[in-house]
């Protein structure tokens, strides 16, 4: 499956609609918000992966969303986590 989605993954919303000319933005999703995946299935005419979200339900009967409008938030490795924490402690300089 695309991005190897699994139940419990965190999904960052990167678009509030599919990349189709007639698709309208949904008021249920917010770009930049993180959602928790509750289900994963191959769907929509075998064209994409559909994911269910804990925080919001789709308007459709199956209550799933096209995974292409989300990016999977991958957990940090131990090295990445240590580097991130070090960066947080570094003084920030502001250029004028």
PDB file of N, CA and C in Angstrom:
ATOM      1  N   UNK A   1       0.838  -1.194   0.000  1.00  0.00           N
ATOM      2  CA  UNK A   1       0.000   0.000   0.000  1.00  0.00           C
ATOM      3  C   UNK A   1       0.877   1.249   0.000  1.00  0.00           C
ATOM      4  N   UNK A   2       0.346   2.302  -0.557  1.00  0.00           N
ATOM      5  CA  UNK A   2       1.089   3.554  -0.616  1.00  0.00           C
ATOM      6  C   UNK A   2       1.419   4.046   0.784  1.00  0.00           C
ATOM      7  N   UNK A   3       2.637   4.448   0.969  1.00  0.00           N
ATOM      8  CA  UNK A   3       3.122   4.958   2.259  1.00  0.00           C
ATOM      9  C   UNK A   3       3.035   3.929   3.369  1.00  0.00           C
ATOM     10  N   UNK A   4       2.616   2.719   3.067  1.00  0.00           N
ATOM     11  CA  UNK A   4       2.529   1.651   4.066  1.00  0.00           C
ATOM     12  C   UNK A   4       1.737   2.110   5.292  1.00  0.00           C
ATOM     13  N   UNK A   5       0.545   2.660   5.065  1.00  0.00           N
ATOM     14  CA  UNK A   5      -0.303   3.140   6.162  1.00  0.00           C
ATOM     15  C   UNK A   5      -0.692   2.001   7.081  1.00  0.00           C
ATOM     16  N   UNK A   6      -0.754   2.293   8.381  1.00  0.00           N
ATOM     17  CA  UNK A   6      -1.186   1.321   9.379  1.00  0.00           C
ATOM     18  C   UNK A   6      -2.092   2.026  10.386  1.00  0.00           C
ATOM     19  N   UNK A   7      -2.949   1.257  11.018  1.00  0.00           N
ATOM     20  CA  UNK A   7      -3.809   1.811  12.058  1.00  0.00           C
ATOM     21  C   UNK A   7      -2.931   2.363  13.172  1.00  0.00           C
ATOM     22  N   UNK A   8      -3.249   3.577  13.625  1.00  0.00           N
ATOM     23  CA  UNK A   8      -2.474   4.232  14.665  1.00  0.00           C
ATOM     24  C   UNK A   8      -1.471   5.235  14.128  1.00  0.00           C
ATOM     25  N   UNK A   9      -1.211   5.219  12.805  1.00  0.00           N
ATOM     26  CA  UNK A   9      -0.298   6.195  12.211  1.00  0.00           C
ATOM     27  C   UNK A   9      -0.868   7.596  12.350  1.00  0.00           C
ATOM     28  N   UNK A  10       0.005   8.584  12.312  1.00  0.00           N
ATOM     29  CA  UNK A  10      -0.415   9.982  12.300  1.00  0.00           C
ATOM     30  C   UNK A  10      -0.381  10.486  10.868  1.00  0.00           C
ATOM     31  N   UNK A  11      -1.440  11.183  10.459  1.00  0.00           N
ATOM     32  CA  UNK A  11      -1.579  11.662   9.085  1.00  0.00           C
ATOM     33  C   UNK A  11      -1.682  13.183   9.080  1.00  0.00           C
ATOM     34  N   UNK A  12      -0.749  13.845   8.400  1.00  0.00           N
ATOM     35  CA  UNK A  12      -0.763  15.287   8.259  1.00  0.00           C
ATOM     36  C   UNK A  12      -1.591  15.646   7.033  1.00  0.00           C
ATOM     37  N   UNK A  13      -2.615  16.456   7.201  1.00  0.00           N
ATOM     38  CA  UNK A  13      -3.466  16.880   6.095  1.00  0.00           C
ATOM     39  C   UNK A  13      -2.724  17.943   5.280  1.00  0.00           C
ATOM     40  N   UNK A  14      -2.530  17.675   3.975  1.00  0.00           N
ATOM     41  CA  UNK A  14      -1.817  18.619   3.119  1.00  0.00           C
ATOM     42  C   UNK A  14      -2.733  19.265   2.081  1.00  0.00           C
ATOM     43  N   UNK A  15      -3.976  18.816   1.993  1.00  0.00           N
ATOM     44  CA  UNK A  15      -4.955  19.405   1.067  1.00  0.00           C
ATOM     45  C   UNK A  15      -6.348  19.130   1.600  1.00  0.00           C
ATOM     46  N   UNK A  16      -7.278  20.044   1.348  1.00  0.00           N
ATOM     47  CA  UNK A  16      -8.641  19.816   1.831  1.00  0.00           C
ATOM     48  C   UNK A  16      -9.563  19.311   0.722  1.00  0.00           C
ATOM     49  N   UNK A  17      -8.957  18.922  -0.411  1.00  0.00           N
ATOM     50  CA  UNK A  17      -9.723  18.326  -1.504  1.00  0.00           C
ATOM     51  C   UNK A  17      -8.794  17.517  -2.387  1.00  0.00           C
ATOM     52  N   UNK A  18      -9.375  16.673  -3.193  1.00  0.00           N
ATOM     53  CA  UNK A  18      -8.589  15.886  -4.141  1.00  0.00           C
ATOM     54  C   UNK A  18      -8.158  16.769  -5.293  1.00  0.00           C
ATOM     55  N   UNK A  19      -7.105  16.370  -5.990  1.00  0.00           N
ATOM     56  CA  UNK A  19      -6.645  17.192  -7.116  1.00  0.00           C
ATOM     57  C   UNK A  19      -7.503  17.004  -8.359  1.00  0.00           C
ATOM     58  N   UNK A  20      -8.794  17.161  -8.227  1.00  0.00           N
ATOM     59  CA  UNK A  20      -9.722  17.057  -9.351  1.00  0.00           C
ATOM     60  C   UNK A  20     -10.383  18.415  -9.554  1.00  0.00           C
ATOM     61  N   UNK A  21     -10.588  18.827 -10.806  1.00  0.00           N
ATOM     62  CA  UNK A  21     -11.121  20.169 -11.061  1.00  0.00           C
ATOM     63  C   UNK A  21     -12.476  20.449 -10.425  1.00  0.00           C
ATOM     64  N   UNK A  22     -13.327  19.438 -10.338  1.00  0.00           N
ATOM     65  CA  UNK A  22     -14.669  19.677  -9.803  1.00  0.00           C
ATOM     66  C   UNK A  22     -14.805  19.366  -8.322  1.00  0.00           C
ATOM     67  N   UNK A  23     -13.746  18.894  -7.700  1.00  0.00           N
ATOM     68  CA  UNK A  23     -13.826  18.553  -6.283  1.00  0.00           C
ATOM     69  C   UNK A  23     -13.848  19.825  -5.444  1.00  0.00           C
ATOM     70  N   UNK A  24     -14.764  19.895  -4.513  1.00  0.00           N
ATOM     71  CA  UNK A  24     -14.894  21.067  -3.651  1.00  0.00           C
ATOM     72  C   UNK A  24     -14.147  20.837  -2.336  1.00  0.00           C
ATOM     73  N   UNK A  25     -13.600  21.892  -1.743  1.00  0.00           N
ATOM     74  CA  UNK A  25     -12.945  21.731  -0.440  1.00  0.00           C
ATOM     75  C   UNK A  25     -13.950  21.259   0.611  1.00  0.00           C
ATOM     76  N   UNK A  26     -13.487  20.449   1.520  1.00  0.00           N
ATOM     77  CA  UNK A  26     -14.346  20.006   2.611  1.00  0.00           C
ATOM     78  C   UNK A  26     -14.124  20.888   3.828  1.00  0.00           C
ATOM     79  N   UNK A  27     -15.157  21.108   4.572  1.00  0.00           N
ATOM     80  CA  UNK A  27     -15.034  21.887   5.804  1.00  0.00           C
ATOM     81  C   UNK A  27     -14.667  20.985   6.980  1.00  0.00           C
ATOM     82  N   UNK A  28     -14.627  19.670   6.729  1.00  0.00           N
ATOM     83  CA  UNK A  28     -14.320  18.728   7.799  1.00  0.00           C
ATOM     84  C   UNK A  28     -12.817  18.610   8.056  1.00  0.00           C
ATOM     85  N   UNK A  29     -12.014  18.747   7.010  1.00  0.00           N
ATOM     86  CA  UNK A  29     -10.563  18.629   7.145  1.00  0.00           C
ATOM     87  C   UNK A  29      -9.920  20.002   7.208  1.00  0.00           C
ATOM     88  N   UNK A  30      -8.830  20.094   7.934  1.00  0.00           N
ATOM     89  CA  UNK A  30      -8.065  21.334   8.046  1.00  0.00           C
ATOM     90  C   UNK A  30      -6.630  21.067   7.608  1.00  0.00           C
ATOM     91  N   UNK A  31      -6.164  21.802   6.619  1.00  0.00           N
ATOM     92  CA  UNK A  31      -4.782  21.664   6.158  1.00  0.00           C
ATOM     93  C   UNK A  31      -3.850  22.011   7.308  1.00  0.00           C
ATOM     94  N   UNK A  32      -2.849  21.153   7.528  1.00  0.00           N
ATOM     95  CA  UNK A  32      -1.888  21.365   8.605  1.00  0.00           C
ATOM     96  C   UNK A  32      -2.235  20.626   9.885  1.00  0.00           C
ATOM     97  N   UNK A  33      -3.449  20.118   9.983  1.00  0.00           N
ATOM     98  CA  UNK A  33      -3.854  19.383  11.183  1.00  0.00           C
ATOM     99  C   UNK A  33      -3.396  17.927  11.077  1.00  0.00           C
ATOM    100  N   UNK A  34      -3.137  17.327  12.223  1.00  0.00           N
ATOM    101  CA  UNK A  34      -2.698  15.934  12.287  1.00  0.00           C
ATOM    102  C   UNK A  34      -3.861  15.080  12.780  1.00  0.00           C
ATOM    103  N   UNK A  35      -4.105  13.977  12.070  1.00  0.00           N
ATOM    104  CA  UNK A  35      -5.192  13.057  12.396  1.00  0.00           C
ATOM    105  C   UNK A  35      -4.622  11.669  12.692  1.00  0.00           C
ATOM    106  N   UNK A  36      -5.402  10.843  13.403  1.00  0.00           N
ATOM    107  CA  UNK A  36      -4.995   9.480  13.725  1.00  0.00           C
ATOM    108  C   UNK A  36      -5.729   8.509  12.810  1.00  0.00           C
ATOM    109  N   UNK A  37      -4.981   7.603  12.168  1.00  0.00           N
ATOM    110  CA  UNK A  37      -5.550   6.636  11.232  1.00  0.00           C
ATOM    111  C   UNK A  37      -6.238   5.515  12.007  1.00  0.00           C
ATOM    112  N   UNK A  38      -7.502   5.237  11.640  1.00  0.00           N
ATOM    113  CA  UNK A  38      -8.267   4.172  12.297  1.00  0.00           C
ATOM    114  C   UNK A  38      -8.536   2.982  11.384  1.00  0.00           C
ATOM    115  N   UNK A  39      -8.419   3.180  10.072  1.00  0.00           N
ATOM    116  CA  UNK A  39      -8.608   2.074   9.133  1.00  0.00           C
ATOM    117  C   UNK A  39      -7.835   2.363   7.855  1.00  0.00           C
ATOM    118  N   UNK A  40      -7.447   1.291   7.165  1.00  0.00           N
ATOM    119  CA  UNK A  40      -6.705   1.401   5.906  1.00  0.00           C
ATOM    120  C   UNK A  40      -7.276   0.369   4.949  1.00  0.00           C
ATOM    121  N   UNK A  41      -7.600   0.802   3.730  1.00  0.00           N
ATOM    122  CA  UNK A  41      -8.099  -0.149   2.737  1.00  0.00           C
ATOM    123  C   UNK A  41      -7.789   0.359   1.337  1.00  0.00           C
ATOM    124  N   UNK A  42      -7.749  -0.572   0.389  1.00  0.00           N
ATOM    125  CA  UNK A  42      -7.570  -0.227  -1.017  1.00  0.00           C
ATOM    126  C   UNK A  42      -8.949   0.050  -1.572  1.00  0.00           C
ATOM    127  N   UNK A  43      -9.123   1.154  -2.250  1.00  0.00           N
ATOM    128  CA  UNK A  43     -10.475   1.566  -2.581  1.00  0.00           C
ATOM    129  C   UNK A  43     -10.554   2.423  -3.827  1.00  0.00           C
ATOM    130  N   UNK A  44     -11.734   2.988  -4.006  1.00  0.00           N
ATOM    131  CA  UNK A  44     -12.038   3.948  -5.063  1.00  0.00           C
ATOM    132  C   UNK A  44     -11.638   3.415  -6.438  1.00  0.00           C
ATOM    133  N   UNK A  45     -12.225   2.291  -6.799  1.00  0.00           N
ATOM    134  CA  UNK A  45     -11.942   1.716  -8.111  1.00  0.00           C
ATOM    135  C   UNK A  45     -10.531   1.199  -8.241  1.00  0.00           C
ATOM    136  N   UNK A  46      -9.962   0.738  -7.129  1.00  0.00           N
ATOM    137  CA  UNK A  46      -8.589   0.214  -7.108  1.00  0.00           C
ATOM    138  C   UNK A  46      -7.574   1.264  -7.555  1.00  0.00           C
ATOM    139  N   UNK A  47      -7.833   2.514  -7.267  1.00  0.00           N
ATOM    140  CA  UNK A  47      -6.937   3.578  -7.698  1.00  0.00           C
ATOM    141  C   UNK A  47      -6.136   4.190  -6.556  1.00  0.00           C
ATOM    142  N   UNK A  48      -6.565   4.018  -5.334  1.00  0.00           N
ATOM    143  CA  UNK A  48      -5.806   4.628  -4.244  1.00  0.00           C
ATOM    144  C   UNK A  48      -6.118   3.944  -2.912  1.00  0.00           C
ATOM    145  N   UNK A  49      -5.353   4.333  -1.931  1.00  0.00           N
ATOM    146  CA  UNK A  49      -5.554   3.842  -0.569  1.00  0.00           C
ATOM    147  C   UNK A  49      -6.503   4.805   0.134  1.00  0.00           C
ATOM    148  N   UNK A  50      -7.431   4.257   0.905  1.00  0.00           N
ATOM    149  CA  UNK A  50      -8.360   5.066   1.694  1.00  0.00           C
ATOM    150  C   UNK A  50      -8.043   4.855   3.162  1.00  0.00           C
ATOM    151  N   UNK A  51      -8.068   5.943   3.925  1.00  0.00           N
ATOM    152  CA  UNK A  51      -7.804   5.833   5.355  1.00  0.00           C
ATOM    153  C   UNK A  51      -8.972   6.428   6.139  1.00  0.00           C
ATOM    154  N   UNK A  52      -9.300   5.785   7.236  1.00  0.00           N
ATOM    155  CA  UNK A  52     -10.289   6.318   8.162  1.00  0.00           C
ATOM    156  C   UNK A  52      -9.569   7.126   9.231  1.00  0.00           C
ATOM    157  N   UNK A  53     -10.236   8.144   9.744  1.00  0.00           N
ATOM    158  CA  UNK A  53      -9.622   9.033  10.727  1.00  0.00           C
ATOM    159  C   UNK A  53     -10.452   9.065  12.002  1.00  0.00           C
ATOM    160  N   UNK A  54      -9.782   9.077  13.139  1.00  0.00           N
ATOM    161  CA  UNK A  54     -10.473   9.088  14.426  1.00  0.00           C
ATOM    162  C   UNK A  54     -11.167  10.418  14.688  1.00  0.00           C
ATOM    163  N   UNK A  55     -10.572  11.502  14.252  1.00  0.00           N
ATOM    164  CA  UNK A  55     -11.052  12.830  14.629  1.00  0.00           C
ATOM    165  C   UNK A  55     -12.188  13.351  13.755  1.00  0.00           C
ATOM    166  N   UNK A  56     -12.378  12.776  12.575  1.00  0.00           N
ATOM    167  CA  UNK A  56     -13.401  13.274  11.652  1.00  0.00           C
ATOM    168  C   UNK A  56     -13.865  12.134  10.750  1.00  0.00           C
ATOM    169  N   UNK A  57     -15.135  12.147  10.386  1.00  0.00           N
ATOM    170  CA  UNK A  57     -15.666  11.117   9.503  1.00  0.00           C
ATOM    171  C   UNK A  57     -15.931  11.710   8.129  1.00  0.00           C
ATOM    172  N   UNK A  58     -15.734  10.895   7.114  1.00  0.00           N
ATOM    173  CA  UNK A  58     -16.026  11.313   5.753  1.00  0.00           C
ATOM    174  C   UNK A  58     -17.525  11.430   5.565  1.00  0.00           C
ATOM    175  N   UNK A  59     -17.922  12.162   4.552  1.00  0.00           N
ATOM    176  CA  UNK A  59     -19.343  12.277   4.235  1.00  0.00           C
ATOM    177  C   UNK A  59     -19.855  11.047   3.515  1.00  0.00           C
ATOM    178  N   UNK A  60     -18.940  10.235   2.980  1.00  0.00           N
ATOM    179  CA  UNK A  60     -19.330   9.051   2.222  1.00  0.00           C
ATOM    180  C   UNK A  60     -19.787   7.919   3.123  1.00  0.00           C
ATOM    181  N   UNK A  61     -20.407   6.888   2.522  1.00  0.00           N
ATOM    182  CA  UNK A  61     -20.930   5.782   3.320  1.00  0.00           C
ATOM    183  C   UNK A  61     -19.860   4.956   4.014  1.00  0.00           C
ATOM    184  N   UNK A  62     -18.641   4.947   3.469  1.00  0.00           N
ATOM    185  CA  UNK A  62     -17.578   4.140   4.073  1.00  0.00           C
ATOM    186  C   UNK A  62     -16.722   4.933   5.047  1.00  0.00           C
ATOM    187  N   UNK A  63     -16.933   6.219   5.111  1.00  0.00           N
ATOM    188  CA  UNK A  63     -16.261   7.096   6.080  1.00  0.00           C
ATOM    189  C   UNK A  63     -14.744   7.045   6.002  1.00  0.00           C
ATOM    190  N   UNK A  64     -14.222   6.983   4.789  1.00  0.00           N
ATOM    191  CA  UNK A  64     -12.775   6.980   4.578  1.00  0.00           C
ATOM    192  C   UNK A  64     -12.392   8.150   3.683  1.00  0.00           C
ATOM    193  N   UNK A  65     -11.109   8.510   3.729  1.00  0.00           N
ATOM    194  CA  UNK A  65     -10.578   9.625   2.954  1.00  0.00           C
ATOM    195  C   UNK A  65      -9.484   9.119   2.030  1.00  0.00           C
ATOM    196  N   UNK A  66      -9.321   9.746   0.874  1.00  0.00           N
ATOM    197  CA  UNK A  66      -8.211   9.427  -0.021  1.00  0.00           C
ATOM    198  C   UNK A  66      -6.902   9.724   0.710  1.00  0.00           C
ATOM    199  N   UNK A  67      -6.019   8.759   0.766  1.00  0.00           N
ATOM    200  CA  UNK A  67      -4.745   8.945   1.461  1.00  0.00           C
ATOM    201  C   UNK A  67      -3.836   9.945   0.748  1.00  0.00           C
ATOM    202  N   UNK A  68      -4.113  10.242  -0.527  1.00  0.00           N
ATOM    203  CA  UNK A  68      -3.233  11.145  -1.283  1.00  0.00           C
ATOM    204  C   UNK A  68      -3.283  12.581  -0.768  1.00  0.00           C
ATOM    205  N   UNK A  69      -4.266  12.937   0.051  1.00  0.00           N
ATOM    206  CA  UNK A  69      -4.309  14.300   0.594  1.00  0.00           C
ATOM    207  C   UNK A  69      -3.673  14.378   1.986  1.00  0.00           C
ATOM    208  N   UNK A  70      -2.993  13.298   2.368  1.00  0.00           N
ATOM    209  CA  UNK A  70      -2.300  13.241   3.657  1.00  0.00           C
ATOM    210  C   UNK A  70      -0.853  12.812   3.452  1.00  0.00           C
ATOM    211  N   UNK A  71      -0.003  13.175   4.379  1.00  0.00           N
ATOM    212  CA  UNK A  71       1.366  12.685   4.420  1.00  0.00           C
ATOM    213  C   UNK A  71       1.548  11.989   5.758  1.00  0.00           C
ATOM    214  N   UNK A  72       2.119  10.811   5.683  1.00  0.00           N
ATOM    215  CA  UNK A  72       2.357  10.036   6.900  1.00  0.00           C
ATOM    216  C   UNK A  72       3.473  10.693   7.696  1.00  0.00           C
ATOM    217  N   UNK A  73       3.231  10.903   8.978  1.00  0.00           N
ATOM    218  CA  UNK A  73       4.267  11.435   9.862  1.00  0.00           C
ATOM    219  C   UNK A  73       5.043  10.240  10.394  1.00  0.00           C
ATOM    220  N   UNK A  74       6.272  10.159   9.955  1.00  0.00           N
ATOM    221  CA  UNK A  74       7.097   9.014  10.340  1.00  0.00           C
ATOM    222  C   UNK A  74       7.769   9.282  11.684  1.00  0.00           C
ATOM    223  N   UNK A  75       7.871   8.261  12.513  1.00  0.00           N
ATOM    224  CA  UNK A  75       8.562   8.453  13.792  1.00  0.00           C
ATOM    225  C   UNK A  75      10.043   8.718  13.558  1.00  0.00           C
ATOM    226  N   UNK A  76      10.629   9.501  14.437  1.00  0.00           N
ATOM    227  CA  UNK A  76      12.055   9.821  14.330  1.00  0.00           C
ATOM    228  C   UNK A  76      12.897   8.658  14.825  1.00  0.00           C
ATOM    229  N   UNK A  77      14.047   8.461  14.181  1.00  0.00           N
ATOM    230  CA  UNK A  77      15.000   7.481  14.693  1.00  0.00           C
ATOM    231  C   UNK A  77      15.658   8.083  15.935  1.00  0.00           C
ATOM    232  N   UNK A  78      16.389   7.282  16.682  1.00  0.00           N
ATOM    233  CA  UNK A  78      17.075   7.770  17.884  1.00  0.00           C
ATOM    234  C   UNK A  78      18.060   8.887  17.538  1.00  0.00           C
ATOM    235  N   UNK A  79      18.765   8.746  16.422  1.00  0.00           N
ATOM    236  CA  UNK A  79      19.739   9.761  16.006  1.00  0.00           C
ATOM    237  C   UNK A  79      19.011  11.051  15.622  1.00  0.00           C
ATOM    238  N   UNK A  80      17.916  10.934  14.858  1.00  0.00           N
ATOM    239  CA  UNK A  80      17.155  12.118  14.465  1.00  0.00           C
ATOM    240  C   UNK A  80      16.570  12.821  15.685  1.00  0.00           C
ATOM    241  N   UNK A  81      16.080  12.042  16.634  1.00  0.00           N
ATOM    242  CA  UNK A  81      15.497  12.607  17.855  1.00  0.00           C
ATOM    243  C   UNK A  81      16.552  13.365  18.657  1.00  0.00           C
ATOM    244  N   UNK A  82      17.748  12.792  18.797  1.00  0.00           N
ATOM    245  CA  UNK A  82      18.835  13.449  19.535  1.00  0.00           C
ATOM    246  C   UNK A  82      19.243  14.745  18.834  1.00  0.00           C
ATOM    247  N   UNK A  83      19.312  14.713  17.505  1.00  0.00           N
ATOM    248  CA  UNK A  83      19.668  15.908  16.744  1.00  0.00           C
ATOM    249  C   UNK A  83      18.596  16.985  16.897  1.00  0.00           C
ATOM    250  N   UNK A  84      17.343  16.587  16.854  1.00  0.00           N
ATOM    251  CA  UNK A  84      16.238  17.527  17.012  1.00  0.00           C
ATOM    252  C   UNK A  84      16.277  18.179  18.391  1.00  0.00           C
ATOM    253  N   UNK A  85      16.499  17.381  19.430  1.00  0.00           N
ATOM    254  CA  UNK A  85      16.542  17.913  20.793  1.00  0.00           C
ATOM    255  C   UNK A  85      17.734  18.855  20.958  1.00  0.00           C
ATOM    256  N   UNK A  86      18.865  18.548  20.314  1.00  0.00           N
ATOM    257  CA  UNK A  86      20.027  19.429  20.364  1.00  0.00           C
ATOM    258  C   UNK A  86      19.704  20.759  19.691  1.00  0.00           C
ATOM    259  N   UNK A  87      19.040  20.702  18.545  1.00  0.00           N
ATOM    260  CA  UNK A  87      18.657  21.923  17.828  1.00  0.00           C
ATOM    261  C   UNK A  87      17.719  22.793  18.668  1.00  0.00           C
ATOM    262  N   UNK A  88      16.864  22.176  19.440  1.00  0.00           N
ATOM    263  CA  UNK A  88      15.946  22.934  20.293  1.00  0.00           C
ATOM    264  C   UNK A  88      16.695  23.721  21.364  1.00  0.00           C
ATOM    265  N   UNK A  89      17.816  23.178  21.820  1.00  0.00           N
ATOM    266  CA  UNK A  89      18.565  23.822  22.902  1.00  0.00           C
ATOM    267  C   UNK A  89      19.522  24.901  22.395  1.00  0.00           C
ATOM    268  N   UNK A  90      19.795  24.922  21.087  1.00  0.00           N
ATOM    269  CA  UNK A  90      20.721  25.900  20.547  1.00  0.00           C
ATOM    270  C   UNK A  90      20.089  27.292  20.555  1.00  0.00           C
ATOM    271  N   UNK A  91      20.901  28.332  20.877  1.00  0.00           N
ATOM    272  CA  UNK A  91      20.335  29.685  20.819  1.00  0.00           C
ATOM    273  C   UNK A  91      19.991  30.049  19.384  1.00  0.00           C
ATOM    274  N   UNK A  92      18.886  30.706  19.228  1.00  0.00           N
ATOM    275  CA  UNK A  92      18.417  31.119  17.909  1.00  0.00           C
ATOM    276  C   UNK A  92      18.914  32.521  17.593  1.00  0.00           C
ATOM    277  N   UNK A  93      19.477  32.708  16.406  1.00  0.00           N
ATOM    278  CA  UNK A  93      19.918  34.038  15.997  1.00  0.00           C
ATOM    279  C   UNK A  93      18.940  34.593  14.966  1.00  0.00           C
ATOM    280  N   UNK A  94      18.666  35.859  15.089  1.00  0.00           N
ATOM    281  CA  UNK A  94      17.753  36.521  14.154  1.00  0.00           C
ATOM    282  C   UNK A  94      18.551  37.513  13.331  1.00  0.00           C
ATOM    283  N   UNK A  95      18.440  37.371  12.018  1.00  0.00           N
ATOM    284  CA  UNK A  95      19.156  38.293  11.133  1.00  0.00           C
ATOM    285  C   UNK A  95      18.259  39.484  10.820  1.00  0.00           C
ATOM    286  N   UNK A  96      18.854  40.654  10.861  1.00  0.00           N
ATOM    287  CA  UNK A  96      18.080  41.876  10.605  1.00  0.00           C
ATOM    288  C   UNK A  96      18.076  42.234   9.151  1.00  0.00           C
TER     289      UNK A  96
END
